[in-house]
Amino acid sequence: MPTRSSVFCPVCNETISHGDSLEHHLVYEHRPRELASRLASEWEAEELGVEE
């Protein structure tokens, strides 16, 4: 029987508990503003070369 590897949250840099999905973790453990900030900073780093 294959085993699933642990899921890692790129926002809080923690491993998500077994059986929890990344989507569920993001929705219930992080605020929308926190997620938006993370997404914007990643986009700026890729598109504009701006580092945090």
Protein backbone atom coordinates (compact mmCIF):
# COMPACT_ATOMS: atom_id res chain seq x y z
CA MET A 1 0.00 0.00 0.00
CA PRO A 2 1.54 3.35 -1.01
CA THR A 3 1.99 5.99 1.64
CA ARG A 4 1.33 9.70 1.18
CA SER A 5 4.17 12.02 1.94
CA SER A 6 3.63 14.82 4.42
CA VAL A 7 2.11 18.04 3.14
CA PHE A 8 4.10 21.19 3.85
CA CYS A 9 2.49 24.63 4.24
CA PRO A 10 4.54 27.31 2.47
CA VAL A 11 2.86 30.07 4.51
CA CYS A 12 3.70 28.93 8.04
CA ASN A 13 6.55 26.58 7.06
CA GLU A 14 5.06 23.68 9.00
CA THR A 15 4.12 20.13 8.13
CA ILE A 16 0.36 19.67 8.03
CA SER A 17 -1.11 16.96 10.21
CA HIS A 18 -1.68 13.61 8.53
CA GLY A 19 -5.09 13.42 6.88
CA ASP A 20 -5.47 17.19 6.49
CA SER A 21 -5.32 18.75 3.03
CA LEU A 22 -3.37 21.89 2.19
CA GLU A 23 -6.58 23.64 1.13
CA HIS A 24 -8.30 22.84 4.45
CA HIS A 25 -5.24 24.00 6.39
CA LEU A 26 -5.02 27.29 4.45
CA VAL A 27 -8.73 28.04 4.89
CA TYR A 28 -8.92 27.26 8.61
CA GLU A 29 -5.45 28.16 9.88
CA HIS A 30 -4.58 31.33 7.93
CA ARG A 31 -6.35 34.65 7.52
CA PRO A 32 -7.22 35.90 4.00
CA ARG A 33 -4.93 38.93 4.40
CA GLU A 34 -2.02 36.66 5.37
CA LEU A 35 -2.60 34.50 2.28
CA ALA A 36 -2.95 37.53 0.00
CA SER A 37 0.27 39.01 1.34
CA ARG A 38 2.15 35.77 0.74
CA LEU A 39 0.77 35.41 -2.78
CA ALA A 40 1.60 39.03 -3.64
CA SER A 41 5.16 38.76 -2.30
CA GLU A 42 5.78 35.59 -4.31
CA TRP A 43 4.42 37.23 -7.47
CA GLU A 44 6.57 40.33 -6.92
CA ALA A 45 9.66 38.18 -6.41
CA GLU A 46 9.02 36.27 -9.65
CA GLU A 47 7.76 39.06 -11.90
CA LEU A 48 9.56 42.11 -10.58
CA GLY A 49 12.63 40.64 -8.93
CA VAL A 50 11.63 42.17 -5.61
CA GLU A 51 12.79 40.27 -2.53
CA GLU A 52 10.91 40.29 0.80
